[in-house]
C-alpha atoms as a PDB file:
ATOM      1  CA  UNK A   1       0.000   0.000   0.000  1.00  0.00           C
ATOM      2  CA  UNK A   2       2.782   2.437   0.877  1.00  0.00           C
ATOM      3  CA  UNK A   3       4.538   1.715  -2.425  1.00  0.00           C
ATOM      4  CA  UNK A   4       1.356   2.575  -4.344  1.00  0.00           C
ATOM      5  CA  UNK A   5       0.849   5.690  -2.287  1.00  0.00           C
ATOM      6  CA  UNK A   6       4.416   6.877  -2.799  1.00  0.00           C
ATOM      7  CA  UNK A   7       4.180   6.253  -6.579  1.00  0.00           C
ATOM      8  CA  UNK A   8       1.003   8.280  -6.814  1.00  0.00           C
ATOM      9  CA  UNK A   9       2.511  10.966  -4.639  1.00  0.00           C
ATOM     10  CA  UNK A  10       5.593  11.183  -6.831  1.00  0.00           C
ATOM     11  CA  UNK A  11       3.406  12.101  -9.817  1.00  0.00           C
ATOM     12  CA  UNK A  12       2.091  15.194  -8.099  1.00  0.00           C
ATOM     13  CA  UNK A  13       3.908  18.512  -8.323  1.00  0.00           C
ATOM     14  CA  UNK A  14       3.900  20.444  -5.098  1.00  0.00           C
ATOM     15  CA  UNK A  15       4.455  24.187  -5.237  1.00  0.00           C
ATOM     16  CA  UNK A  16       7.165  25.374  -2.933  1.00  0.00           C
ATOM     17  CA  UNK A  17       8.614  21.937  -2.206  1.00  0.00           C
ATOM     18  CA  UNK A  18      12.264  21.653  -3.299  1.00  0.00           C
ATOM     19  CA  UNK A  19      13.009  18.986  -5.906  1.00  0.00           C
ATOM     20  CA  UNK A  20      16.789  18.727  -5.674  1.00  0.00           C
ATOM     21  CA  UNK A  21      16.561  15.629  -3.472  1.00  0.00           C
ATOM     22  CA  UNK A  22      14.839  12.471  -4.753  1.00  0.00           C
ATOM     23  CA  UNK A  23      13.348  11.617  -1.390  1.00  0.00           C
ATOM     24  CA  UNK A  24      11.203   8.756  -2.736  1.00  0.00           C
ATOM     25  CA  UNK A  25      14.179   6.927  -4.251  1.00  0.00           C
ATOM     26  CA  UNK A  26      16.244   7.520  -1.121  1.00  0.00           C
ATOM     27  CA  UNK A  27      13.351   6.374   1.068  1.00  0.00           C
ATOM     28  CA  UNK A  28      12.837   3.067  -0.745  1.00  0.00           C
ATOM     29  CA  UNK A  29      16.586   2.439  -0.869  1.00  0.00           C
ATOM     30  CA  UNK A  30      16.768   2.734   2.903  1.00  0.00           C
ATOM     31  CA  UNK A  31      13.786   0.422   3.385  1.00  0.00           C
ATOM     32  CA  UNK A  32      15.885  -2.322   1.796  1.00  0.00           C
ATOM     33  CA  UNK A  33      18.770  -1.887   4.212  1.00  0.00           C
ATOM     34  CA  UNK A  34      19.487  -4.069   7.205  1.00  0.00           C
ATOM     35  CA  UNK A  35      19.152  -1.155   9.627  1.00  0.00           C
ATOM     36  CA  UNK A  36      15.503  -0.675   8.787  1.00  0.00           C
ATOM     37  CA  UNK A  37      14.814  -4.378   8.706  1.00  0.00           C
ATOM     38  CA  UNK A  38      16.131  -4.279  12.265  1.00  0.00           C
ATOM     39  CA  UNK A  39      13.774  -1.371  12.999  1.00  0.00           C
ATOM     40  CA  UNK A  40      10.747  -3.388  11.909  1.00  0.00           C
ATOM     41  CA  UNK A  41      11.884  -6.359  13.982  1.00  0.00           C
ATOM     42  CA  UNK A  42      12.376  -4.133  17.024  1.00  0.00           C
ATOM     43  CA  UNK A  43       8.989  -2.476  16.544  1.00  0.00           C
ATOM     44  CA  UNK A  44       7.196  -5.803  16.178  1.00  0.00           C
ATOM     45  CA  UNK A  45       8.944  -7.128  19.266  1.00  0.00           C
ATOM     46  CA  UNK A  46       7.906  -4.086  21.297  1.00  0.00           C
ATOM     47  CA  UNK A  47       4.342  -4.245  19.993  1.00  0.00           C
ATOM     48  CA  UNK A  48       4.083  -7.850  21.179  1.00  0.00           C
ATOM     49  CA  UNK A  49       4.674  -6.658  24.757  1.00  0.00           C
ATOM     50  CA  UNK A  50       1.386  -5.093  25.976  1.00  0.00           C
ATOM     51  CA  UNK A  51       3.115  -3.556  28.989  1.00  0.00           C
ATOM     52  CA  UNK A  52       5.169  -1.270  26.749  1.00  0.00           C
ATOM     53  CA  UNK A  53       2.008   0.604  25.736  1.00  0.00           C
ATOM     54  CA  UNK A  54       1.406   1.739  29.303  1.00  0.00           C
ATOM     55  CA  UNK A  55       4.201   4.269  28.758  1.00  0.00           C
ATOM     56  CA  UNK A  56       4.005   5.788  25.283  1.00  0.00           C
ATOM     57  CA  UNK A  57       6.978   8.067  25.931  1.00  0.00           C
ATOM     58  CA  UNK A  58       9.137   5.044  26.706  1.00  0.00           C
ATOM     59  CA  UNK A  59       7.895   3.322  23.568  1.00  0.00           C
ATOM     60  CA  UNK A  60       8.705   6.427  21.538  1.00  0.00           C
ATOM     61  CA  UNK A  61      12.101   6.791  23.192  1.00  0.00           C
ATOM     62  CA  UNK A  62      13.041   3.320  21.959  1.00  0.00           C
ATOM     63  CA  UNK A  63      11.744   3.731  18.399  1.00  0.00           C
ATOM     64  CA  UNK A  64      12.406   7.385  17.555  1.00  0.00           C
ATOM     65  CA  UNK A  65      15.808   8.084  16.012  1.00  0.00           C
ATOM     66  CA  UNK A  66      17.685  10.264  16.731  1.00  0.00           C
ATOM     67  CA  UNK A  67      16.314  11.157  20.153  1.00  0.00           C
ATOM     68  CA  UNK A  68      15.283  14.734  20.916  1.00  0.00           C
ATOM     69  CA  UNK A  69      18.130  15.059  23.426  1.00  0.00           C
ATOM     70  CA  UNK A  70      20.638  14.043  20.761  1.00  0.00           C
ATOM     71  CA  UNK A  71      19.169  16.491  18.264  1.00  0.00           C
ATOM     72  CA  UNK A  72      19.341  19.425  20.695  1.00  0.00           C
ATOM     73  CA  UNK A  73      22.955  18.566  21.541  1.00  0.00           C
ATOM     74  CA  UNK A  74      23.969  18.405  17.875  1.00  0.00           C
ATOM     75  CA  UNK A  75      22.225  21.657  16.947  1.00  0.00           C
ATOM     76  CA  UNK A  76      23.735  23.462  19.940  1.00  0.00           C
ATOM     77  CA  UNK A  77      27.181  22.347  18.781  1.00  0.00           C
ATOM     78  CA  UNK A  78      26.781  23.826  15.271  1.00  0.00           C
ATOM     79  CA  UNK A  79      26.838  27.369  13.903  1.00  0.00           C
ATOM     80  CA  UNK A  80      23.098  26.991  13.374  1.00  0.00           C
ATOM     81  CA  UNK A  81      22.649  27.609  17.092  1.00  0.00           C
ATOM     82  CA  UNK A  82      23.982  31.156  16.572  1.00  0.00           C
ATOM     83  CA  UNK A  83      21.025  32.049  14.327  1.00  0.00           C
ATOM     84  CA  UNK A  84      17.793  31.792  16.385  1.00  0.00           C
ATOM     85  CA  UNK A  85      15.498  32.040  13.362  1.00  0.00           C
ATOM     86  CA  UNK A  86      17.040  29.047  11.596  1.00  0.00           C
ATOM     87  CA  UNK A  87      17.532  27.080  14.808  1.00  0.00           C
ATOM     88  CA  UNK A  88      13.906  27.472  15.896  1.00  0.00           C
ATOM     89  CA  UNK A  89      12.665  26.537  12.435  1.00  0.00           C
ATOM     90  CA  UNK A  90      14.689  23.322  12.325  1.00  0.00           C
ATOM     91  CA  UNK A  91      13.655  22.465  15.890  1.00  0.00           C
ATOM     92  CA  UNK A  92       9.998  23.019  14.988  1.00  0.00           C
ATOM     93  CA  UNK A  93      10.395  20.413  12.249  1.00  0.00           C
ATOM     94  CA  UNK A  94      11.771  17.866  14.722  1.00  0.00           C
ATOM     95  CA  UNK A  95       9.083  18.696  17.289  1.00  0.00           C
ATOM     96  CA  UNK A  96       6.211  18.209  14.833  1.00  0.00           C
ATOM     97  CA  UNK A  97       7.652  14.829  13.878  1.00  0.00           C
ATOM     98  CA  UNK A  98       7.616  13.881  17.572  1.00  0.00           C
ATOM     99  CA  UNK A  99       3.947  14.878  17.850  1.00  0.00           C
ATOM    100  CA  UNK A 100       3.098  12.711  14.859  1.00  0.00           C
ATOM    101  CA  UNK A 101       5.135   9.833  16.305  1.00  0.00           C
ATOM    102  CA  UNK A 102       3.169  10.015  19.558  1.00  0.00           C
ATOM    103  CA  UNK A 103      -0.047   9.633  17.565  1.00  0.00           C
ATOM    104  CA  UNK A 104       1.448   6.649  15.746  1.00  0.00           C
ATOM    105  CA  UNK A 105       2.471   5.038  19.030  1.00  0.00           C
ATOM    106  CA  UNK A 106      -1.055   5.509  20.346  1.00  0.00           C
ATOM    107  CA  UNK A 107      -2.379   3.901  17.159  1.00  0.00           C
ATOM    108  CA  UNK A 108      -0.136   0.876  17.692  1.00  0.00           C
ATOM    109  CA  UNK A 109      -1.527   0.563  21.205  1.00  0.00           C
ATOM    110  CA  UNK A 110      -5.061   0.879  19.834  1.00  0.00           C
ATOM    111  CA  UNK A 111      -4.448  -1.701  17.120  1.00  0.00           C
ATOM    112  CA  UNK A 112      -3.150  -4.116  19.743  1.00  0.00           C
ATOM    113  CA  UNK A 113      -6.345  -3.580  21.753  1.00  0.00           C
ATOM    114  CA  UNK A 114      -8.558  -4.108  18.690  1.00  0.00           C
ATOM    115  CA  UNK A 115      -6.832  -7.383  17.861  1.00  0.00           C
ATOM    116  CA  UNK A 116      -7.368  -8.593  21.430  1.00  0.00           C
ATOM    117  CA  UNK A 117     -11.038  -7.568  21.346  1.00  0.00           C
ATOM    118  CA  UNK A 118     -11.675  -9.500  18.149  1.00  0.00           C
ATOM    119  CA  UNK A 119      -9.726 -12.591  19.133  1.00  0.00           C
ATOM    120  CA  UNK A 120     -12.848 -14.500  20.214  1.00  0.00           C
ATOM    121  CA  UNK A 121     -14.241 -14.285  16.663  1.00  0.00           C
ATOM    122  CA  UNK A 122     -11.616 -16.803  15.557  1.00  0.00           C
ATOM    123  CA  UNK A 123     -13.246 -19.593  17.578  1.00  0.00           C
ATOM    124  CA  UNK A 124     -14.061 -22.545  15.328  1.00  0.00           C
ATOM    125  CA  UNK A 125     -16.649 -24.387  17.419  1.00  0.00           C
ATOM    126  CA  UNK A 126     -19.573 -21.975  17.042  1.00  0.00           C
ATOM    127  CA  UNK A 127     -22.699 -24.042  17.811  1.00  0.00           C
ATOM    128  CA  UNK A 128     -26.093 -23.537  19.391  1.00  0.00           C
ATOM    129  CA  UNK A 129     -25.420 -25.386  22.644  1.00  0.00           C
ATOM    130  CA  UNK A 130     -26.481 -23.525  25.835  1.00  0.00           C
ATOM    131  CA  UNK A 131     -22.907 -23.497  27.143  1.00  0.00           C
ATOM    132  CA  UNK A 132     -21.517 -22.056  23.926  1.00  0.00           C
ATOM    133  CA  UNK A 133     -24.352 -19.534  23.758  1.00  0.00           C
ATOM    134  CA  UNK A 134     -23.515 -18.228  27.242  1.00  0.00           C
ATOM    135  CA  UNK A 135     -19.845 -18.017  26.305  1.00  0.00           C
ATOM    136  CA  UNK A 136     -20.701 -16.054  23.176  1.00  0.00           C
ATOM    137  CA  UNK A 137     -22.948 -13.665  25.117  1.00  0.00           C
ATOM    138  CA  UNK A 138     -20.081 -13.042  27.562  1.00  0.00           C
ATOM    139  CA  UNK A 139     -17.651 -12.290  24.730  1.00  0.00           C
ATOM    140  CA  UNK A 140     -20.140 -10.017  23.002  1.00  0.00           C
ATOM    141  CA  UNK A 141     -20.729  -8.098  26.234  1.00  0.00           C
ATOM    142  CA  UNK A 142     -16.994  -7.613  26.713  1.00  0.00           C
ATOM    143  CA  UNK A 143     -16.653  -6.653  23.069  1.00  0.00           C
ATOM    144  CA  UNK A 144     -19.333  -3.993  23.295  1.00  0.00           C
ATOM    145  CA  UNK A 145     -18.028  -2.305  26.430  1.00  0.00           C
ATOM    146  CA  UNK A 146     -14.314  -2.471  25.634  1.00  0.00           C
ATOM    147  CA  UNK A 147     -14.382  -1.815  21.930  1.00  0.00           C
ATOM    148  CA  UNK A 148     -14.108   1.953  21.687  1.00  0.00           C
ATOM    149  CA  UNK A 149     -10.362   2.225  21.108  1.00  0.00           C
ATOM    150  CA  UNK A 150     -10.408   5.015  18.554  1.00  0.00           C
ATOM    151  CA  UNK A 151     -12.732   7.288  20.509  1.00  0.00           C
ATOM    152  CA  UNK A 152      -9.834   9.380  21.867  1.00  0.00           C
ATOM    153  CA  UNK A 153      -8.561  10.107  18.368  1.00  0.00           C
ATOM    154  CA  UNK A 154     -11.015  12.587  16.900  1.00  0.00           C
ATOM    155  CA  UNK A 155     -10.850  14.371  13.580  1.00  0.00           C
ATOM    156  CA  UNK A 156     -10.068  17.671  15.319  1.00  0.00           C
ATOM    157  CA  UNK A 157      -6.824  16.263  16.741  1.00  0.00           C
ATOM    158  CA  UNK A 158      -5.724  14.965  13.347  1.00  0.00           C
ATOM    159  CA  UNK A 159      -6.566  18.294  11.718  1.00  0.00           C
ATOM    160  CA  UNK A 160      -4.708  20.243  14.403  1.00  0.00           C
ATOM    161  CA  UNK A 161      -1.463  18.360  13.823  1.00  0.00           C
ATOM    162  CA  UNK A 162      -1.989  18.416  10.057  1.00  0.00           C
ATOM    163  CA  UNK A 163      -2.341  22.219  10.152  1.00  0.00           C
ATOM    164  CA  UNK A 164       0.868  22.487  12.191  1.00  0.00           C
ATOM    165  CA  UNK A 165       2.668  20.370   9.610  1.00  0.00           C
ATOM    166  CA  UNK A 166       1.417  22.631   6.810  1.00  0.00           C
ATOM    167  CA  UNK A 167       2.638  25.717   8.669  1.00  0.00           C
ATOM    168  CA  UNK A 168       6.085  24.224   9.287  1.00  0.00           C
ATOM    169  CA  UNK A 169       6.309  23.113   5.648  1.00  0.00           C
ATOM    170  CA  UNK A 170       5.500  26.634   4.435  1.00  0.00           C
ATOM    171  CA  UNK A 171       8.118  28.139   6.771  1.00  0.00           C
ATOM    172  CA  UNK A 172      10.776  25.631   5.683  1.00  0.00           C
ATOM    173  CA  UNK A 173      10.215  26.168   1.965  1.00  0.00           C
ATOM    174  CA  UNK A 174      10.109  29.964   2.357  1.00  0.00           C
ATOM    175  CA  UNK A 175      13.365  30.018   4.304  1.00  0.00           C
ATOM    176  CA  UNK A 176      14.951  27.640   1.823  1.00  0.00           C
ATOM    177  CA  UNK A 177      14.074  30.002  -1.048  1.00  0.00           C
ATOM    178  CA  UNK A 178      15.553  32.991   0.799  1.00  0.00           C
ATOM    179  CA  UNK A 179      18.797  31.210   1.624  1.00  0.00           C
ATOM    180  CA  UNK A 180      18.990  29.776  -1.896  1.00  0.00           C
ATOM    181  CA  UNK A 181      18.751  33.257  -3.420  1.00  0.00           C
ATOM    182  CA  UNK A 182      21.492  34.467  -1.093  1.00  0.00           C
ATOM    183  CA  UNK A 183      23.769  31.587  -2.157  1.00  0.00           C
ATOM    184  CA  UNK A 184      23.186  32.419  -5.837  1.00  0.00           C
ATOM    185  CA  UNK A 185      23.978  36.081  -5.209  1.00  0.00           C
ATOM    186  CA  UNK A 186      27.172  35.233  -3.344  1.00  0.00           C
ATOM    187  CA  UNK A 187      28.222  32.873  -6.142  1.00  0.00           C
ATOM    188  CA  UNK A 188      27.634  35.586  -8.731  1.00  0.00           C
ATOM    189  CA  UNK A 189      29.582  38.168  -6.724  1.00  0.00           C
ATOM    190  CA  UNK A 190      32.443  35.730  -6.214  1.00  0.00           C
ATOM    191  CA  UNK A 191      32.687  35.042  -9.933  1.00  0.00           C
ATOM    192  CA  UNK A 192      32.467  38.759 -10.702  1.00  0.00           C
ATOM    193  CA  UNK A 193      35.175  39.599  -8.181  1.00  0.00           C
ATOM    194  CA  UNK A 194      37.476  36.951  -9.647  1.00  0.00           C
ATOM    195  CA  UNK A 195      37.003  38.443 -13.091  1.00  0.00           C
ATOM    196  CA  UNK A 196      37.775  41.923 -11.777  1.00  0.00           C
ATOM    197  CA  UNK A 197      40.910  40.669 -10.088  1.00  0.00           C
ATOM    198  CA  UNK A 198      42.151  39.031 -13.292  1.00  0.00           C
ATOM    199  CA  UNK A 199      41.614  42.246 -15.239  1.00  0.00           C
ATOM    200  CA  UNK A 200      43.303  44.288 -12.526  1.00  0.00           C
ATOM    201  CA  UNK A 201      46.267  41.941 -12.472  1.00  0.00           C
ATOM    202  CA  UNK A 202      46.925  42.597 -16.131  1.00  0.00           C
ATOM    203  CA  UNK A 203      46.836  46.381 -15.769  1.00  0.00           C
ATOM    204  CA  UNK A 204      48.542  47.371 -12.515  1.00  0.00           C
ATOM    205  CA  UNK A 205      51.723  46.484 -10.673  1.00  0.00           C
ATOM    206  CA  UNK A 206      51.730  43.508  -8.326  1.00  0.00           C
ATOM    207  CA  UNK A 207      51.744  45.611  -5.145  1.00  0.00           C
ATOM    208  CA  UNK A 208      48.766  47.635  -6.301  1.00  0.00           C
ATOM    209  CA  UNK A 209      47.025  44.401  -7.257  1.00  0.00           C
ATOM    210  CA  UNK A 210      47.289  43.021  -3.756  1.00  0.00           C
ATOM    211  CA  UNK A 211      45.922  46.183  -2.149  1.00  0.00           C
ATOM    212  CA  UNK A 212      43.111  46.565  -4.677  1.00  0.00           C
ATOM    213  CA  UNK A 213      42.128  42.931  -4.359  1.00  0.00           C
ATOM    214  CA  UNK A 214      41.819  43.090  -0.577  1.00  0.00           C
ATOM    215  CA  UNK A 215      39.812  46.295  -0.721  1.00  0.00           C
ATOM    216  CA  UNK A 216      37.546  44.968  -3.460  1.00  0.00           C
ATOM    217  CA  UNK A 217      36.857  41.686  -1.696  1.00  0.00           C
ATOM    218  CA  UNK A 218      36.160  43.462   1.601  1.00  0.00           C
ATOM    219  CA  UNK A 219      33.676  45.815  -0.064  1.00  0.00           C
ATOM    220  CA  UNK A 220      31.929  42.997  -1.927  1.00  0.00           C
ATOM    221  CA  UNK A 221      31.609  40.748   1.107  1.00  0.00           C
ATOM    222  CA  UNK A 222      30.416  43.679   3.211  1.00  0.00           C
ATOM    223  CA  UNK A 223      27.714  44.517   0.677  1.00  0.00           C
ATOM    224  CA  UNK A 224      26.662  40.859   0.448  1.00  0.00           C
ATOM    225  CA  UNK A 225      26.116  40.357   4.137  1.00  0.00           C
ATOM    226  CA  UNK A 226      24.313  43.648   4.634  1.00  0.00           C
ATOM    227  CA  UNK A 227      21.493  42.205   2.517  1.00  0.00           C
ATOM    228  CA  UNK A 228      21.028  39.133   4.731  1.00  0.00           C
ATOM    229  CA  UNK A 229      18.138  39.532   7.231  1.00  0.00           C
ATOM    230  CA  UNK A 230      20.183  38.269  10.164  1.00  0.00           C
ATOM    231  CA  UNK A 231      23.433  39.992   9.143  1.00  0.00           C
ATOM    232  CA  UNK A 232      23.363  43.008  11.454  1.00  0.00           C
ATOM    233  CA  UNK A 233      22.344  40.889  14.419  1.00  0.00           C
ATOM    234  CA  UNK A 234      25.088  38.384  13.622  1.00  0.00           C
ATOM    235  CA  UNK A 235      27.710  41.115  13.295  1.00  0.00           C
ATOM    236  CA  UNK A 236      26.815  42.487  16.715  1.00  0.00           C
ATOM    237  CA  UNK A 237      26.673  39.145  18.501  1.00  0.00           C
ATOM    238  CA  UNK A 238      29.278  37.204  16.562  1.00  0.00           C
ATOM    239  CA  UNK A 239      31.977  39.456  15.168  1.00  0.00           C
ATOM    240  CA  UNK A 240      34.178  36.390  14.626  1.00  0.00           C
ATOM    241  CA  UNK A 241      31.630  34.591  12.419  1.00  0.00           C
ATOM    242  CA  UNK A 242      31.132  35.412   8.749  1.00  0.00           C
ATOM    243  CA  UNK A 243      28.467  33.543   6.805  1.00  0.00           C
ATOM    244  CA  UNK A 244      30.343  31.748   4.061  1.00  0.00           C
ATOM    245  CA  UNK A 245      28.814  30.488   0.859  1.00  0.00           C
ATOM    246  CA  UNK A 246      29.662  26.959   1.962  1.00  0.00           C
ATOM    247  CA  UNK A 247      27.788  27.380   5.251  1.00  0.00           C
ATOM    248  CA  UNK A 248      24.697  28.777   3.539  1.00  0.00           C
ATOM    249  CA  UNK A 249      24.783  25.971   0.972  1.00  0.00           C
ATOM    250  CA  UNK A 250      24.810  23.482   3.818  1.00  0.00           C
ATOM    251  CA  UNK A 251      21.850  25.246   5.434  1.00  0.00           C
ATOM    252  CA  UNK A 252      20.083  25.042   2.066  1.00  0.00           C
ATOM    253  CA  UNK A 253      20.602  21.269   1.999  1.00  0.00           C
ATOM    254  CA  UNK A 254      19.289  20.931   5.552  1.00  0.00           C
ATOM    255  CA  UNK A 255      16.174  22.952   4.751  1.00  0.00           C
ATOM    256  CA  UNK A 256      15.729  20.998   1.532  1.00  0.00           C
ATOM    257  CA  UNK A 257      15.743  17.647   3.332  1.00  0.00           C
ATOM    258  CA  UNK A 258      13.569  18.925   6.177  1.00  0.00           C
ATOM    259  CA  UNK A 259      11.033  20.263   3.650  1.00  0.00           C
ATOM    260  CA  UNK A 260      10.918  16.945   1.818  1.00  0.00           C
ATOM    261  CA  UNK A 261      10.611  15.036   5.070  1.00  0.00           C
ATOM    262  CA  UNK A 262       7.857  17.301   6.371  1.00  0.00           C
ATOM    263  CA  UNK A 263       5.956  17.020   3.088  1.00  0.00           C
ATOM    264  CA  UNK A 264       6.041  13.211   3.203  1.00  0.00           C
ATOM    265  CA  UNK A 265       5.092  13.344   6.898  1.00  0.00           C
ATOM    266  CA  UNK A 266       2.118  15.565   6.058  1.00  0.00           C
ATOM    267  CA  UNK A 267       0.880  13.282   3.257  1.00  0.00           C
ATOM    268  CA  UNK A 268       1.419  10.175   5.389  1.00  0.00           C
ATOM    269  CA  UNK A 269      -0.565  11.748   8.194  1.00  0.00           C
ATOM    270  CA  UNK A 270      -3.475  12.551   5.882  1.00  0.00           C
ATOM    271  CA  UNK A 271      -3.456   8.979   4.605  1.00  0.00           C
ATOM    272  CA  UNK A 272      -3.350   7.741   8.187  1.00  0.00           C
ATOM    273  CA  UNK A 273      -6.438   9.741   9.127  1.00  0.00           C
ATOM    274  CA  UNK A 274      -8.293   8.176   6.184  1.00  0.00           C
ATOM    275  CA  UNK A 275      -7.300   4.647   7.217  1.00  0.00           C
ATOM    276  CA  UNK A 276      -8.314   5.306  10.815  1.00  0.00           C
ATOM    277  CA  UNK A 277     -11.682   6.676   9.672  1.00  0.00           C
ATOM    278  CA  UNK A 278     -12.327   3.536   7.606  1.00  0.00           C
ATOM    279  CA  UNK A 279     -11.481   1.268  10.510  1.00  0.00           C
ATOM    280  CA  UNK A 280     -13.585   3.366  12.894  1.00  0.00           C
ATOM    281  CA  UNK A 281     -16.594   2.996  10.600  1.00  0.00           C
ATOM    282  CA  UNK A 282     -16.151  -0.773  10.560  1.00  0.00           C
ATOM    283  CA  UNK A 283     -15.790  -0.919  14.341  1.00  0.00           C
ATOM    284  CA  UNK A 284     -18.903   1.190  14.866  1.00  0.00           C
ATOM    285  CA  UNK A 285     -20.873  -1.001  12.458  1.00  0.00           C
ATOM    286  CA  UNK A 286     -19.886  -4.097  14.420  1.00  0.00           C
ATOM    287  CA  UNK A 287     -20.770  -2.399  17.705  1.00  0.00           C
ATOM    288  CA  UNK A 288     -24.265  -1.636  16.422  1.00  0.00           C
ATOM    289  CA  UNK A 289     -24.793  -5.302  15.577  1.00  0.00           C
ATOM    290  CA  UNK A 290     -23.487  -6.419  18.964  1.00  0.00           C
ATOM    291  CA  UNK A 291     -25.638  -3.890  20.810  1.00  0.00           C
ATOM    292  CA  UNK A 292     -28.706  -5.109  18.903  1.00  0.00           C
ATOM    293  CA  UNK A 293     -27.884  -8.660  19.928  1.00  0.00           C
ATOM    294  CA  UNK A 294     -27.471  -7.725  23.596  1.00  0.00           C
ATOM    295  CA  UNK A 295     -30.690  -5.717  23.614  1.00  0.00           C
ATOM    296  CA  UNK A 296     -32.634  -8.675  22.209  1.00  0.00           C
ATOM    297  CA  UNK A 297     -30.938 -11.124  24.601  1.00  0.00           C
ATOM    298  CA  UNK A 298     -31.510 -13.927  22.099  1.00  0.00           C
ATOM    299  CA  UNK A 299     -29.121 -16.900  21.962  1.00  0.00           C
ATOM    300  CA  UNK A 300     -29.865 -17.643  18.308  1.00  0.00           C
ATOM    301  CA  UNK A 301     -29.336 -14.013  17.360  1.00  0.00           C
ATOM    302  CA  UNK A 302     -26.045 -14.019  19.273  1.00  0.00           C
ATOM    303  CA  UNK A 303     -24.863 -17.023  17.274  1.00  0.00           C
ATOM    304  CA  UNK A 304     -25.921 -15.318  14.064  1.00  0.00           C
ATOM    305  CA  UNK A 305     -24.059 -12.141  14.987  1.00  0.00           C
ATOM    306  CA  UNK A 306     -20.865 -14.093  15.648  1.00  0.00           C
ATOM    307  CA  UNK A 307     -21.206 -15.840  12.290  1.00  0.00           C
ATOM    308  CA  UNK A 308     -21.628 -12.464  10.581  1.00  0.00           C
ATOM    309  CA  UNK A 309     -18.556 -11.146  12.364  1.00  0.00           C
ATOM    310  CA  UNK A 310     -16.615 -14.216  11.251  1.00  0.00           C
ATOM    311  CA  UNK A 311     -17.648 -13.623   7.635  1.00  0.00           C
ATOM    312  CA  UNK A 312     -16.249 -10.117   7.721  1.00  0.00           C
ATOM    313  CA  UNK A 313     -13.267 -11.053   9.875  1.00  0.00           C
ATOM    314  CA  UNK A 314     -10.839 -11.490   6.978  1.00  0.00           C
ATOM    315  CA  UNK A 315     -11.618  -8.068   5.538  1.00  0.00           C
ATOM    316  CA  UNK A 316     -11.572  -6.441   8.958  1.00  0.00           C
ATOM    317  CA  UNK A 317      -8.205  -7.920   9.875  1.00  0.00           C
ATOM    318  CA  UNK A 318      -6.871  -6.804   6.522  1.00  0.00           C
ATOM    319  CA  UNK A 319      -7.859  -3.226   7.405  1.00  0.00           C
ATOM    320  CA  UNK A 320      -6.172  -3.565  10.800  1.00  0.00           C
ATOM    321  CA  UNK A 321      -2.960  -4.966   9.298  1.00  0.00           C
ATOM    322  CA  UNK A 322      -2.995  -2.302   6.604  1.00  0.00           C
ATOM    323  CA  UNK A 323      -3.207   0.390   9.266  1.00  0.00           C
ATOM    324  CA  UNK A 324      -0.474  -1.229  11.347  1.00  0.00           C
ATOM    325  CA  UNK A 325       1.831  -1.525   8.335  1.00  0.00           C
ATOM    326  CA  UNK A 326       1.259   2.112   7.463  1.00  0.00           C
ATOM    327  CA  UNK A 327       2.069   3.155  11.038  1.00  0.00           C
ATOM    328  CA  UNK A 328       5.412   1.334  10.899  1.00  0.00           C
ATOM    329  CA  UNK A 329       6.241   2.814   7.508  1.00  0.00           C
ATOM    330  CA  UNK A 330       5.385   6.299   8.768  1.00  0.00           C
ATOM    331  CA  UNK A 331       7.745   5.836  11.712  1.00  0.00           C
ATOM    332  CA  UNK A 332      10.469   4.648   9.329  1.00  0.00           C
ATOM    333  CA  UNK A 333       9.793   7.710   7.182  1.00  0.00           C
ATOM    334  CA  UNK A 334      10.118  10.015  10.169  1.00  0.00           C
ATOM    335  CA  UNK A 335      13.344   8.408  11.369  1.00  0.00           C
ATOM    336  CA  UNK A 336      14.868   8.498   7.903  1.00  0.00           C
ATOM    337  CA  UNK A 337      14.161  12.210   7.433  1.00  0.00           C
ATOM    338  CA  UNK A 338      15.406  13.071  10.933  1.00  0.00           C
ATOM    339  CA  UNK A 339      18.636  11.160  10.345  1.00  0.00           C
ATOM    340  CA  UNK A 340      19.218  12.823   6.966  1.00  0.00           C
ATOM    341  CA  UNK A 341      18.811  16.325   8.408  1.00  0.00           C
ATOM    342  CA  UNK A 342      21.153  15.559  11.298  1.00  0.00           C
ATOM    343  CA  UNK A 343      23.672  14.009   8.903  1.00  0.00           C
ATOM    344  CA  UNK A 344      23.799  17.304   6.984  1.00  0.00           C
ATOM    345  CA  UNK A 345      24.726  19.070  10.219  1.00  0.00           C
ATOM    346  CA  UNK A 346      27.672  16.806  10.941  1.00  0.00           C
END
């Protein structure tokens, strides 16, 4: 399902999203690596331990890579920490990915609960004996009262996080465009200055060349940095730090990857909300049937309800597994993007 989704997504052109990084190709390449096979194994192992879901933060701490503490330490150790605007923007990207991951962890917990609730449907010996009828009534009663796992995840919560993701994406792409323009301008000025120096070298003595070159370069670099929004603030606070073209190019790459990652995160989240809505509809439909059975208090009707649930069990479990698979792939997506951004900072 994720492969189909990513192929369809790749056909769409998104305004404002940088295209210099083939995130889809990189994403699928990583999914074939041993490290992410290990991730799936670790996630499945954790999901098989019900106790882990009692502490979602612990669950997230184990699965989320790199950790928030690691990210803050790395950012604080780079020149990015000297520019609050860029630092806060990058941190907002990491924070929104954590919020989405918490939702995914809750979904894994919910899926585990749903599978437990529906386990009794797999019973093979469904007959109309009094003993079996009582057992079925007991299971149906438990099913009805316990089976509201998605009630805490409402559409408002999904929309709230989705809106945050859209805002962060817009900020990332806007900043990336600004920095990209600055890099192009600096490249142009550098090439122009080199041309001027070559001409000067052919016309004036060597001593004059050296003096003129230093003066020219100082004036050009001064004019370049005066146009940067953070330049005056940087000059006051960090007189020892000059923004180089190399540094800004690196920032461009970081913003590029973060924008791509946030875009995929946003689309994944929208797809997730659709899958959850489908499963919720199926759960509510089953609850209506069970409630009808309990209201009638009829053994034959109870048997019939169980048989109906068994008929739809294959399709229902397919929906559950589809949702679970998408959750794991979303977590892989998040980790991959986080690692790529951090790698660019190293």
